[in-house]
N, C-alpha and C. Protein backbone atom coordinates (compact mmCIF):
# COMPACT_ATOMS: atom_id res chain seq x y z
N LEU A 1 75.62 126.97 291.62
CA LEU A 1 75.88 128.43 291.11
C LEU A 1 76.97 128.52 291.32
N SER A 2 77.66 128.86 290.64
CA SER A 2 79.09 128.87 290.02
C SER A 2 78.95 128.46 288.55
N LEU A 3 79.15 126.30 288.56
CA LEU A 3 78.31 125.57 287.38
C LEU A 3 77.86 126.39 287.28
N GLY A 4 76.67 126.83 286.71
CA GLY A 4 75.08 127.04 286.32
C GLY A 4 75.69 128.48 285.77
N ALA A 5 76.63 129.03 286.10
CA ALA A 5 77.01 130.61 285.79
C ALA A 5 77.95 130.37 285.08
N VAL A 6 78.95 128.82 284.53
CA VAL A 6 80.09 128.82 284.07
C VAL A 6 78.84 128.54 282.20
N GLN A 7 78.16 127.58 282.68
CA GLN A 7 77.91 126.66 281.26
C GLN A 7 76.94 127.71 280.34
N PRO A 8 76.51 128.38 281.04
CA PRO A 8 75.38 129.86 279.91
C PRO A 8 76.13 130.20 278.91
N SER A 9 78.18 130.94 279.66
CA SER A 9 78.57 131.97 279.20
C SER A 9 79.17 130.77 277.91
N LYS A 10 79.71 129.29 278.22
CA LYS A 10 80.03 128.68 277.31
C LYS A 10 79.00 128.02 276.25
N LEU A 11 77.73 128.10 276.50
CA LEU A 11 76.94 128.07 275.70
C LEU A 11 76.95 129.40 274.64
N ARG A 12 77.10 130.54 275.40
CA ARG A 12 77.43 132.44 274.24
C ARG A 12 78.62 132.10 273.12
N ARG A 13 79.64 130.84 273.82
CA ARG A 13 81.02 131.32 273.48
C ARG A 13 80.66 130.27 272.27
N GLN A 14 80.01 129.17 272.61
CA GLN A 14 79.89 128.02 271.07
C GLN A 14 78.93 129.00 269.79
N SER A 15 78.19 129.47 270.71
CA SER A 15 76.60 130.21 269.12
C SER A 15 77.08 131.28 268.97
N ALA A 16 78.11 131.82 269.44
CA ALA A 16 79.17 132.89 268.26
C ALA A 16 79.98 132.75 267.66
N ASP A 17 81.02 131.74 267.95
CA ASP A 17 81.98 131.16 267.27
C ASP A 17 81.21 130.42 266.22
N GLY A 18 80.22 129.39 266.73
CA GLY A 18 79.37 128.26 265.20
C GLY A 18 80.23 127.60 265.47
N LYS A 19 80.86 127.09 266.67
CA LYS A 19 82.32 125.93 266.24
C LYS A 19 82.16 125.64 267.70
N LYS A 20 82.28 123.81 267.76
CA LYS A 20 83.04 123.11 269.00
C LYS A 20 84.04 124.06 269.78
N PRO A 21 84.73 123.63 270.97
CA PRO A 21 85.63 123.75 271.71
C PRO A 21 86.42 122.36 271.04
N HIS A 22 87.58 122.99 270.60
CA HIS A 22 88.50 121.51 270.55
C HIS A 22 88.68 121.03 271.85
N SER A 23 88.86 119.22 271.68
CA SER A 23 89.04 118.44 273.26
C SER A 23 90.35 118.28 273.05
N ASN A 24 90.74 117.91 274.49
CA ASN A 24 92.22 117.41 274.19
C ASN A 24 92.85 116.32 272.88
N ARG A 25 91.58 115.78 273.19
CA ARG A 25 91.97 114.50 272.99
C ARG A 25 92.09 115.10 271.18
N GLU A 26 90.94 115.34 270.67
CA GLU A 26 91.17 116.31 269.53
C GLU A 26 92.43 116.86 268.96
N ARG A 27 93.16 117.53 269.94
CA ARG A 27 94.54 118.64 269.85
C ARG A 27 95.47 117.24 269.70
N LEU A 28 95.30 116.46 270.58
CA LEU A 28 96.70 115.41 270.41
C LEU A 28 96.46 114.73 268.94
N ILE A 29 95.52 114.51 268.31
CA ILE A 29 95.42 113.22 267.33
C ILE A 29 95.73 114.42 266.09
N SER A 30 95.31 115.98 265.72
CA SER A 30 95.90 116.30 265.09
C SER A 30 97.70 116.59 265.52
N THR A 31 97.90 116.54 266.44
CA THR A 31 99.33 116.72 266.43
C THR A 31 99.98 115.60 266.16
N THR A 32 99.76 114.49 266.71
CA THR A 32 100.09 113.15 266.39
C THR A 32 99.90 112.69 264.74
N ASN A 33 99.15 113.64 264.04
CA ASN A 33 99.05 113.52 262.47
C ASN A 33 100.23 114.36 261.61
N LYS A 34 100.40 115.57 262.36
CA LYS A 34 101.02 116.87 261.98
C LYS A 34 102.67 116.05 262.25
N ARG A 35 102.68 115.70 263.39
CA ARG A 35 104.10 114.54 263.23
C ARG A 35 104.80 113.95 262.54
N PHE A 36 103.57 112.90 262.25
CA PHE A 36 103.66 111.77 261.40
C PHE A 36 104.22 112.43 259.45
N CYS A 37 103.76 112.98 258.88
CA CYS A 37 104.00 113.79 258.40
C CYS A 37 105.59 114.24 257.72
N VAL A 38 105.02 114.76 258.98
CA VAL A 38 106.05 115.01 259.41
C VAL A 38 108.12 114.61 258.44
N ALA A 39 107.25 113.12 259.48
CA ALA A 39 108.55 112.42 259.19
C ALA A 39 109.02 111.55 258.17
N VAL A 40 107.26 111.31 257.80
CA VAL A 40 107.51 110.70 256.09
C VAL A 40 108.25 111.28 255.69
N THR A 41 108.51 112.57 255.67
CA THR A 41 108.61 113.80 254.19
C THR A 41 109.68 113.71 254.18
N ILE A 42 110.71 113.20 255.89
CA ILE A 42 111.98 113.34 255.75
C ILE A 42 112.25 112.65 255.92
N MET A 43 111.71 111.30 255.83
CA MET A 43 112.56 110.34 255.20
C MET A 43 112.37 109.63 253.45
N PHE A 44 111.56 110.49 253.57
CA PHE A 44 111.43 110.94 251.70
C PHE A 44 112.81 111.70 251.32
N ILE A 45 112.83 112.48 251.93
CA ILE A 45 113.71 113.78 251.80
C ILE A 45 115.01 112.72 251.53
N THR A 46 115.08 112.44 252.63
CA THR A 46 117.06 111.38 253.03
C THR A 46 117.32 110.46 252.10
N LYS A 47 116.34 109.47 251.79
CA LYS A 47 116.16 108.69 251.13
C LYS A 47 116.33 109.17 249.18
N PHE A 48 115.74 110.68 249.24
CA PHE A 48 116.23 111.38 247.82
C PHE A 48 117.19 111.63 247.85
N SER A 49 117.49 112.07 249.29
CA SER A 49 119.90 113.11 248.96
C SER A 49 120.43 111.95 249.16
N ARG A 50 119.88 110.66 249.72
CA ARG A 50 121.28 109.63 249.57
C ARG A 50 121.12 109.06 247.98
N LEU A 51 120.54 108.81 247.82
CA LEU A 51 120.31 108.55 245.85
C LEU A 51 121.42 109.79 244.95
N GLY A 52 120.97 110.59 245.44
CA GLY A 52 121.37 111.67 244.12
C GLY A 52 123.10 111.48 245.11
N ALA A 53 123.77 111.63 246.29
CA ALA A 53 124.64 111.31 246.50
C ALA A 53 125.57 109.44 245.36
N HIS A 54 124.39 109.69 246.06
CA HIS A 54 125.14 107.57 244.79
C HIS A 54 125.16 108.51 243.58
N VAL A 55 124.37 108.90 242.86
CA VAL A 55 124.65 108.90 241.43
C VAL A 55 126.02 109.87 241.67
N ALA A 56 125.28 111.13 241.81
CA ALA A 56 127.04 112.27 241.64
C ALA A 56 128.31 111.19 242.69
N LYS A 57 128.33 110.69 243.31
CA LYS A 57 129.23 110.08 243.08
C LYS A 57 130.00 109.27 242.11
N GLY A 58 129.04 108.08 241.10
CA GLY A 58 129.09 107.60 240.22
C GLY A 58 129.67 108.45 239.18
N LEU A 59 128.97 109.07 238.86
CA LEU A 59 129.33 110.13 237.58
C LEU A 59 130.60 111.19 237.95
N ARG A 60 131.45 110.98 238.96
CA ARG A 60 132.73 111.32 239.59
C ARG A 60 133.57 110.53 239.12
N ARG A 61 133.57 108.64 239.07
CA ARG A 61 134.21 108.45 238.81
C ARG A 61 134.43 107.58 237.68
N GLY A 62 133.34 108.50 237.38
CA GLY A 62 133.50 108.09 235.29
C GLY A 62 132.73 106.95 234.91
N GLN A 63 132.20 106.42 235.46
CA GLN A 63 130.90 105.07 236.02
C GLN A 63 129.67 105.09 236.90
N LEU A 64 128.62 105.02 236.51
CA LEU A 64 127.74 105.01 236.94
C LEU A 64 127.28 103.35 237.38
N THR A 65 127.79 103.59 239.10
CA THR A 65 127.17 101.78 240.10
C THR A 65 125.81 101.87 239.90
N SER A 66 125.94 100.26 240.22
CA SER A 66 124.64 99.93 239.87
C SER A 66 123.50 99.50 240.76
N THR A 67 122.15 100.49 241.22
CA THR A 67 121.63 101.26 242.42
C THR A 67 120.74 100.07 242.94
N PRO A 68 120.61 100.08 243.69
CA PRO A 68 119.77 98.65 244.51
C PRO A 68 118.16 99.04 243.60
N ARG A 69 117.54 97.31 243.65
CA ARG A 69 116.33 97.50 242.08
C ARG A 69 115.06 96.84 243.53
N THR A 70 115.59 96.43 244.76
CA THR A 70 114.00 95.92 244.85
C THR A 70 113.00 97.21 245.39
N ALA A 71 113.67 97.93 244.85
CA ALA A 71 112.34 99.65 245.59
C ALA A 71 111.60 98.98 244.17
N TYR A 72 112.54 99.16 242.62
CA TYR A 72 111.50 98.83 241.68
C TYR A 72 111.23 97.75 241.16
N SER A 73 112.23 96.97 241.50
CA SER A 73 111.76 95.17 240.36
C SER A 73 110.60 95.46 240.31
N HIS A 74 110.04 95.24 241.71
CA HIS A 74 108.96 94.42 241.72
C HIS A 74 107.09 95.19 240.54
N VAL A 75 108.13 97.04 240.58
CA VAL A 75 106.55 97.21 239.23
C VAL A 75 107.19 96.99 238.21
N TYR A 76 108.21 96.12 237.51
CA TYR A 76 108.70 96.08 236.58
C TYR A 76 108.39 94.93 236.25
N ASN A 77 108.53 93.78 237.37
CA ASN A 77 107.79 93.25 236.59
C ASN A 77 106.25 92.62 236.93
N ASN A 78 105.42 93.41 237.15
CA ASN A 78 104.44 93.69 237.07
C ASN A 78 103.55 93.08 236.57
N ARG A 79 103.00 92.05 236.45
CA ARG A 79 101.58 91.65 235.50
C ARG A 79 100.94 92.21 234.65
N SER A 80 100.47 93.37 235.07
CA SER A 80 99.72 94.97 234.23
C SER A 80 101.13 94.92 233.52
N PHE A 81 101.89 95.51 233.64
CA PHE A 81 103.33 95.98 232.78
C PHE A 81 103.22 94.67 231.86
N GLN A 82 103.19 93.72 231.60
CA GLN A 82 104.12 92.09 230.89
C GLN A 82 103.88 93.25 229.26
N PRO A 83 102.38 93.63 229.00
CA PRO A 83 101.41 93.58 227.81
C PRO A 83 102.29 94.44 227.35
N LEU A 84 102.63 95.62 228.05
CA LEU A 84 103.22 97.35 227.32
C LEU A 84 104.89 96.69 227.11
N ARG A 85 105.18 96.16 227.85
CA ARG A 85 106.90 95.31 227.84
C ARG A 85 107.34 94.72 226.48
N HIS A 86 105.81 93.94 226.26
CA HIS A 86 106.33 92.64 224.85
C HIS A 86 105.76 93.96 223.71
N GLN A 87 104.89 94.47 224.21
CA GLN A 87 104.94 95.87 222.88
C GLN A 87 106.06 96.52 222.74
N LEU A 88 106.24 96.77 224.05
CA LEU A 88 107.99 97.93 223.14
C LEU A 88 109.05 96.48 222.78
N PHE A 89 108.87 95.06 223.38
CA PHE A 89 110.17 94.91 222.70
C PHE A 89 110.49 94.74 221.71
N SER A 90 108.86 93.43 221.21
CA SER A 90 108.84 93.16 219.62
C SER A 90 108.45 94.66 218.75
N THR A 91 108.34 95.86 218.57
CA THR A 91 108.08 97.02 218.20
C THR A 91 109.47 97.59 217.87
N THR A 92 110.06 97.49 218.85
CA THR A 92 111.60 97.69 218.44
C THR A 92 112.40 96.14 217.56
N ALA A 93 112.65 95.63 217.65
CA ALA A 93 113.08 94.51 216.95
C ALA A 93 111.98 94.36 215.03
N ASP A 94 110.83 94.41 215.07
CA ASP A 94 110.38 95.03 214.27
C ASP A 94 110.70 96.07 213.33
N ASP A 95 111.55 96.80 214.15
CA ASP A 95 112.02 98.40 213.58
C ASP A 95 113.35 98.11 212.84
N LYS A 96 114.07 97.08 213.78
CA LYS A 96 115.62 96.52 213.50
C LYS A 96 115.38 96.06 212.27
N ALA A 97 114.35 94.60 212.55
CA ALA A 97 114.23 94.14 210.72
C ALA A 97 113.83 94.69 209.64
N GLN A 98 112.82 96.37 210.17
CA GLN A 98 112.86 96.83 208.72
C GLN A 98 113.70 97.72 208.25
N GLU A 99 114.68 98.37 209.15
CA GLU A 99 115.84 98.54 209.40
C GLU A 99 116.57 97.91 208.07
N GLY A 100 117.17 96.45 208.44
CA GLY A 100 117.17 96.03 207.71
C GLY A 100 117.12 95.82 206.03
N GLY A 101 115.52 95.77 206.38
CA GLY A 101 115.26 95.81 204.78
C GLY A 101 115.23 96.41 204.07
N ASP A 102 115.22 97.54 204.61
CA ASP A 102 115.80 99.00 203.59
C ASP A 102 116.87 98.80 203.38
N GLU A 103 118.21 99.00 204.19
CA GLU A 103 119.50 98.44 203.58
C GLU A 103 119.67 97.73 202.53
N GLU A 104 118.77 96.56 202.89
CA GLU A 104 118.97 95.44 201.32
C GLU A 104 118.85 96.22 199.95
N LYS A 105 117.28 97.13 200.00
CA LYS A 105 116.41 97.51 199.25
C LYS A 105 117.78 98.79 198.77
N GLU A 106 117.93 99.79 199.51
CA GLU A 106 119.19 100.11 198.77
C GLU A 106 120.32 99.42 197.71
N LYS A 107 120.02 98.45 197.42
CA LYS A 107 120.78 97.71 195.98
C LYS A 107 119.99 97.06 195.05
N ILE A 108 120.59 96.81 194.21
CA ILE A 108 119.82 97.11 192.95
C ILE A 108 120.98 95.86 192.27
N SER A 109 119.88 94.94 191.36
CA SER A 109 121.27 94.03 190.25
C SER A 109 121.12 94.03 189.64
N VAL A 110 122.51 93.78 188.78
CA VAL A 110 123.07 94.24 187.93
C VAL A 110 123.70 93.25 187.07
N MET A 111 123.36 92.66 185.94
CA MET A 111 123.92 91.54 185.46
C MET A 111 125.00 92.02 184.12
N PHE A 112 126.31 91.97 184.03
CA PHE A 112 127.37 92.22 183.87
C PHE A 112 127.68 91.01 182.14
N VAL A 113 127.37 90.95 180.70
CA VAL A 113 127.75 90.23 180.01
C VAL A 113 129.28 90.72 178.89
N ASP A 114 130.32 90.08 179.42
CA ASP A 114 131.80 90.24 178.86
C ASP A 114 131.56 90.24 177.07
N LYS A 115 132.36 90.00 176.64
CA LYS A 115 132.28 89.89 175.03
C LYS A 115 132.27 88.19 175.17
N ASP A 116 133.06 87.82 175.72
CA ASP A 116 132.98 86.42 175.48
C ASP A 116 131.45 85.28 175.92
N GLY A 117 130.43 86.20 176.52
CA GLY A 117 129.46 86.35 176.69
C GLY A 117 128.89 85.01 178.37
N GLU A 118 129.61 86.00 178.85
CA GLU A 118 129.86 85.25 180.02
C GLU A 118 129.04 86.52 181.52
N GLU A 119 128.56 86.03 182.01
CA GLU A 119 127.08 86.54 183.09
C GLU A 119 127.96 86.38 184.42
N LYS A 120 128.35 88.01 185.19
CA LYS A 120 128.79 87.98 185.80
C LYS A 120 127.60 89.39 187.13
N HIS A 121 126.54 88.66 187.71
CA HIS A 121 126.23 89.59 189.00
C HIS A 121 126.19 90.10 189.55
N ILE A 122 125.66 91.38 189.21
CA ILE A 122 126.64 92.02 191.31
C ILE A 122 125.79 92.52 191.97
N LYS A 123 125.46 93.43 193.11
CA LYS A 123 124.36 93.86 193.64
C LYS A 123 125.34 95.25 193.51
N VAL A 124 125.02 95.99 192.88
CA VAL A 124 125.32 98.01 193.08
C VAL A 124 124.65 99.12 193.35
N PRO A 125 125.36 99.70 194.88
CA PRO A 125 123.96 100.49 194.97
C PRO A 125 123.73 101.71 194.64
N ILE A 126 122.27 101.97 195.16
CA ILE A 126 121.77 103.17 194.59
C ILE A 126 122.71 104.91 194.62
N GLY A 127 122.45 104.63 193.47
CA GLY A 127 123.45 105.93 193.20
C GLY A 127 124.97 106.13 192.90
N MET A 128 125.18 104.85 192.63
CA MET A 128 126.63 104.41 192.11
C MET A 128 126.67 104.67 189.93
N SER A 129 127.19 104.58 189.77
CA SER A 129 127.62 104.18 188.66
C SER A 129 127.83 103.05 187.96
N MET A 130 127.58 102.50 187.06
CA MET A 130 127.66 101.80 186.86
C MET A 130 129.50 101.11 186.30
N LEU A 131 130.26 102.63 186.22
CA LEU A 131 131.50 101.98 185.75
C LEU A 131 131.64 102.16 187.53
N GLU A 132 131.49 102.32 188.01
CA GLU A 132 132.40 102.64 189.63
C GLU A 132 132.40 101.27 190.16
N ALA A 133 130.74 100.68 189.58
CA ALA A 133 130.70 99.05 190.26
C ALA A 133 131.50 98.55 189.38
N ALA A 134 131.53 98.28 188.12
CA ALA A 134 132.63 98.00 186.89
C ALA A 134 133.99 98.04 187.98
N HIS A 135 134.32 98.72 188.10
CA HIS A 135 135.71 98.49 188.95
C HIS A 135 135.57 97.97 190.23
N GLU A 136 134.66 98.12 190.88
CA GLU A 136 134.71 97.59 192.32
C GLU A 136 134.41 96.09 192.31
N ASN A 137 134.57 95.46 191.15
CA ASN A 137 133.53 94.26 191.03
C ASN A 137 134.73 93.29 190.20
N ASP A 138 135.95 94.11 189.49
CA ASP A 138 137.09 93.86 188.91
C ASP A 138 136.03 92.92 187.46
N ILE A 139 135.36 93.57 186.86
CA ILE A 139 135.07 94.07 185.33
C ILE A 139 135.40 94.73 185.13
N ASP A 140 136.22 94.31 183.47
CA ASP A 140 136.55 94.61 182.49
C ASP A 140 136.22 95.91 181.72
N LEU A 141 135.60 96.81 182.61
CA LEU A 141 134.55 98.35 181.88
C LEU A 141 135.91 99.91 182.54
N GLU A 142 136.66 99.77 180.76
CA GLU A 142 137.42 100.83 181.22
C GLU A 142 137.69 102.17 182.21
N GLY A 143 136.97 102.98 181.37
CA GLY A 143 137.05 103.93 181.49
C GLY A 143 137.95 105.00 181.91
N ALA A 144 138.55 105.14 180.97
CA ALA A 144 139.90 105.76 180.83
C ALA A 144 139.92 107.53 181.48
N CYS A 145 139.00 107.90 181.19
CA CYS A 145 139.22 109.58 181.37
C CYS A 145 137.73 109.12 183.16
N GLU A 146 138.00 108.08 183.45
CA GLU A 146 137.84 108.14 184.72
C GLU A 146 136.36 109.20 185.22
N GLY A 147 135.27 109.09 184.41
CA GLY A 147 133.63 109.06 184.18
C GLY A 147 133.92 111.01 183.74
N SER A 148 134.62 111.38 183.23
CA SER A 148 134.53 113.12 182.49
C SER A 148 134.16 112.93 181.60
N LEU A 149 133.42 112.14 181.05
CA LEU A 149 132.92 112.08 180.04
C LEU A 149 134.27 113.20 178.90
N ALA A 150 135.44 112.47 178.79
CA ALA A 150 136.21 112.83 177.88
C ALA A 150 137.03 111.83 177.39
N CYS A 151 135.95 110.36 177.06
CA CYS A 151 136.82 109.51 176.25
C CYS A 151 135.00 108.56 176.06
N SER A 152 135.10 107.19 175.78
CA SER A 152 134.18 106.35 175.28
C SER A 152 134.42 104.74 175.61
N THR A 153 135.42 105.26 176.59
CA THR A 153 135.73 103.45 176.69
C THR A 153 135.75 103.26 177.71
N CYS A 154 134.07 103.92 178.48
CA CYS A 154 132.46 102.32 179.39
C CYS A 154 131.86 102.50 178.73
N HIS A 155 131.63 102.21 176.61
CA HIS A 155 130.43 102.06 176.49
C HIS A 155 130.24 100.54 176.65
N VAL A 156 128.78 100.50 177.65
CA VAL A 156 127.91 99.41 176.95
C VAL A 156 126.69 99.03 176.38
N ILE A 157 126.42 98.13 176.29
CA ILE A 157 124.80 98.21 176.07
C ILE A 157 123.84 97.88 176.81
N ILE A 158 122.62 98.24 176.64
CA ILE A 158 121.48 97.64 177.80
C ILE A 158 120.89 97.23 176.36
N MET A 159 120.79 95.37 177.00
CA MET A 159 120.27 94.39 176.38
C MET A 159 118.72 94.78 176.55
N ASP A 160 118.10 94.90 177.06
CA ASP A 160 116.67 95.09 177.12
C ASP A 160 116.19 97.37 176.66
N MET A 161 115.31 96.86 175.71
CA MET A 161 114.77 98.23 176.05
C MET A 161 114.04 99.08 176.97
N GLU A 162 113.77 98.06 177.41
CA GLU A 162 112.53 98.27 178.59
C GLU A 162 113.56 99.26 179.46
N TYR A 163 114.94 98.56 179.95
CA TYR A 163 115.64 99.05 180.73
C TYR A 163 116.14 100.22 180.24
N TYR A 164 116.12 100.46 179.25
CA TYR A 164 116.77 101.43 178.25
C TYR A 164 115.64 102.89 178.44
N ASN A 165 114.63 103.01 178.14
CA ASN A 165 113.47 103.81 177.95
C ASN A 165 114.15 103.78 180.14
N LYS A 166 114.38 103.93 180.19
CA LYS A 166 113.98 104.23 182.14
C LYS A 166 114.98 105.92 182.42
N LEU A 167 116.05 105.35 181.21
CA LEU A 167 117.46 105.95 182.11
C LEU A 167 117.16 107.04 181.69
N GLU A 168 117.61 108.27 181.73
CA GLU A 168 117.28 109.31 181.19
C GLU A 168 117.99 109.70 179.84
N ASP A 169 117.57 110.84 178.98
CA ASP A 169 118.26 111.48 177.89
C ASP A 169 119.69 111.26 178.05
N PRO A 170 120.43 111.05 177.16
CA PRO A 170 121.50 110.86 177.13
C PRO A 170 121.88 112.88 176.88
N THR A 171 123.35 113.59 177.45
CA THR A 171 123.25 114.87 177.40
C THR A 171 124.33 114.56 175.92
N ASP A 172 124.20 116.34 176.01
CA ASP A 172 125.24 116.55 174.50
C ASP A 172 127.05 116.21 174.13
N GLU A 173 127.25 115.86 175.21
CA GLU A 173 128.39 115.66 175.80
C GLU A 173 128.74 113.68 175.60
N GLU A 174 127.47 113.58 175.92
CA GLU A 174 127.81 111.82 176.10
C GLU A 174 127.32 111.70 174.67
N ASN A 175 126.64 112.03 174.32
CA ASN A 175 126.92 111.64 172.57
C ASN A 175 127.81 111.67 171.63
N ASP A 176 128.11 112.85 171.82
CA ASP A 176 129.86 113.08 171.56
C ASP A 176 130.62 112.04 172.15
N MET A 177 130.97 111.53 172.76
CA MET A 177 131.42 110.86 172.89
C MET A 177 131.61 109.23 172.47
N LEU A 178 129.85 108.66 172.60
CA LEU A 178 129.24 107.55 171.74
C LEU A 178 129.74 107.38 170.65
N ASP A 179 129.72 108.73 169.81
CA ASP A 179 130.26 108.60 168.49
C ASP A 179 131.36 108.10 167.83
N LEU A 180 131.86 108.18 169.03
CA LEU A 180 133.20 108.02 168.93
C LEU A 180 132.93 106.82 169.32
N ALA A 181 132.13 106.08 169.95
CA ALA A 181 132.68 104.26 171.02
C ALA A 181 132.64 103.37 169.00
N PHE A 182 133.08 101.96 170.33
CA PHE A 182 133.28 100.67 168.75
C PHE A 182 132.33 100.18 169.05
N GLY A 183 131.64 99.39 167.54
CA GLY A 183 130.45 99.19 167.91
C GLY A 183 129.03 100.28 168.40
N LEU A 184 128.92 101.32 168.18
CA LEU A 184 127.53 101.40 168.49
C LEU A 184 126.42 101.03 168.50
N THR A 185 125.43 101.46 169.00
CA THR A 185 123.97 100.65 168.98
C THR A 185 123.01 101.88 169.40
N ASP A 186 121.32 101.41 168.56
CA ASP A 186 120.99 102.01 169.70
C ASP A 186 120.74 102.26 171.03
N ALA A 187 120.86 100.83 171.49
CA ALA A 187 121.08 101.05 173.66
C ALA A 187 122.30 100.94 174.05
N SER A 188 123.44 101.92 173.36
CA SER A 188 124.52 102.60 173.67
C SER A 188 124.74 103.31 174.48
N ARG A 189 125.16 103.22 175.76
CA ARG A 189 125.12 104.89 176.83
C ARG A 189 126.94 104.28 177.65
N LEU A 190 126.99 105.47 178.00
CA LEU A 190 127.89 105.22 178.76
C LEU A 190 127.95 105.13 180.30
N GLY A 191 128.52 103.62 180.58
CA GLY A 191 128.47 103.78 181.89
C GLY A 191 128.37 103.91 182.74
N CYS A 192 129.54 105.34 182.67
CA CYS A 192 129.79 106.40 183.77
C CYS A 192 128.33 107.17 184.11
N GLN A 193 127.69 107.84 183.04
CA GLN A 193 125.94 108.38 182.72
C GLN A 193 125.39 107.28 183.40
N VAL A 194 125.25 106.24 183.43
CA VAL A 194 124.52 105.32 184.56
C VAL A 194 124.17 104.70 185.54
N ILE A 195 123.43 105.76 186.15
CA ILE A 195 123.48 105.27 187.09
C ILE A 195 122.83 104.67 188.60
N ALA A 196 122.84 103.90 188.79
CA ALA A 196 121.97 102.69 189.73
C ALA A 196 120.33 103.79 190.48
N LYS A 197 120.16 102.97 190.43
CA LYS A 197 118.54 103.53 190.76
C LYS A 197 117.41 102.52 191.08
N PRO A 198 116.16 102.39 191.53
CA PRO A 198 115.16 101.30 192.38
C PRO A 198 114.66 100.43 190.65
N GLU A 199 114.24 101.79 189.43
CA GLU A 199 113.54 101.17 188.32
C GLU A 199 114.70 100.18 187.97
N LEU A 200 116.15 100.74 187.92
CA LEU A 200 117.41 99.29 187.28
C LEU A 200 117.29 98.29 187.61
N ASP A 201 116.29 98.18 188.91
CA ASP A 201 116.90 96.85 189.75
C ASP A 201 116.50 95.73 188.62
N GLY A 202 117.68 94.98 187.70
CA GLY A 202 117.46 93.68 187.30
C GLY A 202 118.21 93.69 185.54
N ILE A 203 118.81 95.13 185.65
CA ILE A 203 119.61 95.41 184.73
C ILE A 203 120.58 94.95 183.81
N ARG A 204 120.90 94.26 182.75
CA ARG A 204 121.55 93.95 181.94
C ARG A 204 122.70 94.62 180.75
N LEU A 205 123.75 94.38 180.91
CA LEU A 205 125.09 95.68 180.56
C LEU A 205 125.81 94.57 179.20
N ALA A 206 125.46 94.66 178.44
CA ALA A 206 126.61 93.87 177.80
C ALA A 206 128.16 94.29 177.12
N LEU A 207 129.04 94.02 177.38
CA LEU A 207 130.03 95.25 176.78
C LEU A 207 131.12 94.66 175.50
N PRO A 208 130.90 95.60 175.26
CA PRO A 208 131.32 96.01 173.77
C PRO A 208 132.95 94.26 172.90
N ALA A 209 133.19 94.69 172.36
CA ALA A 209 133.95 93.87 172.12
C ALA A 209 135.55 94.59 172.33
N ALA A 210 135.50 95.53 171.91
CA ALA A 210 135.94 96.58 171.61
C ALA A 210 136.19 97.58 171.82
N THR A 211 137.20 98.64 172.66
CA THR A 211 136.72 99.82 172.92
C THR A 211 138.57 100.96 171.72
N ARG A 212 137.84 101.81 171.65
CA ARG A 212 138.71 103.31 171.37
C ARG A 212 139.36 103.45 172.42
N ASN A 213 140.28 103.85 172.68
CA ASN A 213 140.99 104.69 173.71
C ASN A 213 142.22 105.54 173.21
N PHE A 214 142.68 106.74 173.55
CA PHE A 214 143.43 107.20 173.36
C PHE A 214 144.90 107.02 174.16
N ALA A 215 145.02 106.89 175.59
CA ALA A 215 145.71 106.65 176.06
C ALA A 215 146.60 105.36 175.55
N VAL A 216 148.08 105.24 176.11
CA VAL A 216 149.01 103.66 175.46
C VAL A 216 148.58 102.56 175.54
N ASP A 217 148.49 101.69 174.44
CA ASP A 217 147.89 100.51 175.34
C ASP A 217 148.32 99.52 175.99
N GLY A 218 147.47 98.94 176.94
CA GLY A 218 147.22 98.22 177.66
C GLY A 218 146.96 99.58 178.51
N TYR A 219 146.83 100.92 178.86
CA TYR A 219 146.89 101.44 179.75
C TYR A 219 144.96 101.29 180.16
N LYS A 220 144.74 100.61 181.69
CA LYS A 220 143.48 100.43 182.36
C LYS A 220 143.46 101.43 183.22
N PRO A 221 143.02 101.87 183.83
CA PRO A 221 142.91 103.15 184.85
C PRO A 221 142.00 101.92 186.37
N LYS A 222 142.93 102.24 187.45
CA LYS A 222 142.68 101.78 188.85
C LYS A 222 141.18 101.65 189.21
N PRO A 223 141.01 100.34 189.47
CA PRO A 223 139.32 101.08 190.03
C PRO A 223 139.06 101.85 191.74
N HIS A 224 138.11 103.24 191.95
CA HIS A 224 138.82 103.57 192.24
C HIS A 224 138.32 103.49 193.76
């Protein structure tokens, strides 16, 4: 009779709660799972703490020693990452090659022809004047005023009108100095006012047979 009295009460509790009472086995499994999760969490925290301590120690010494790679080397070497690695390194190499090409394009080819007809080919950086380029390459272009538009000793003759037309029009100051130049032509310009730009790649400049200089005889400025 006592057993029969207990069972209806259990059924009433079950129907009232809407849930079955947990058995001891279910409680044990739940407790075990919680302990396992806590243990795994502690393990990861410990490993990351050790790694952080290793990094801090290396930084204090002024250099970071190498860390064990066994934990991630298999990820780096995974076949699924090989296309990405190939794309990364090939893109870097292409970028370096492109940078090298851009540096090469920053210079133009210029040919100077002296009074004896001898030719000298040089590379001139974009933005540099022909007077500066001549001085850097030991070309006999005087430039007594050092590019201040106070003389005509850097007088050059553009040998191709196609290139002459690509130049900016001369200023009044340049025209005043050109009027003093020896052997003036329709294609004459002052070398200090001819600035290298991509459109002038391949330009040819002739040096006049003589110059008019108000400085003492034999004076030549030192290259910049």
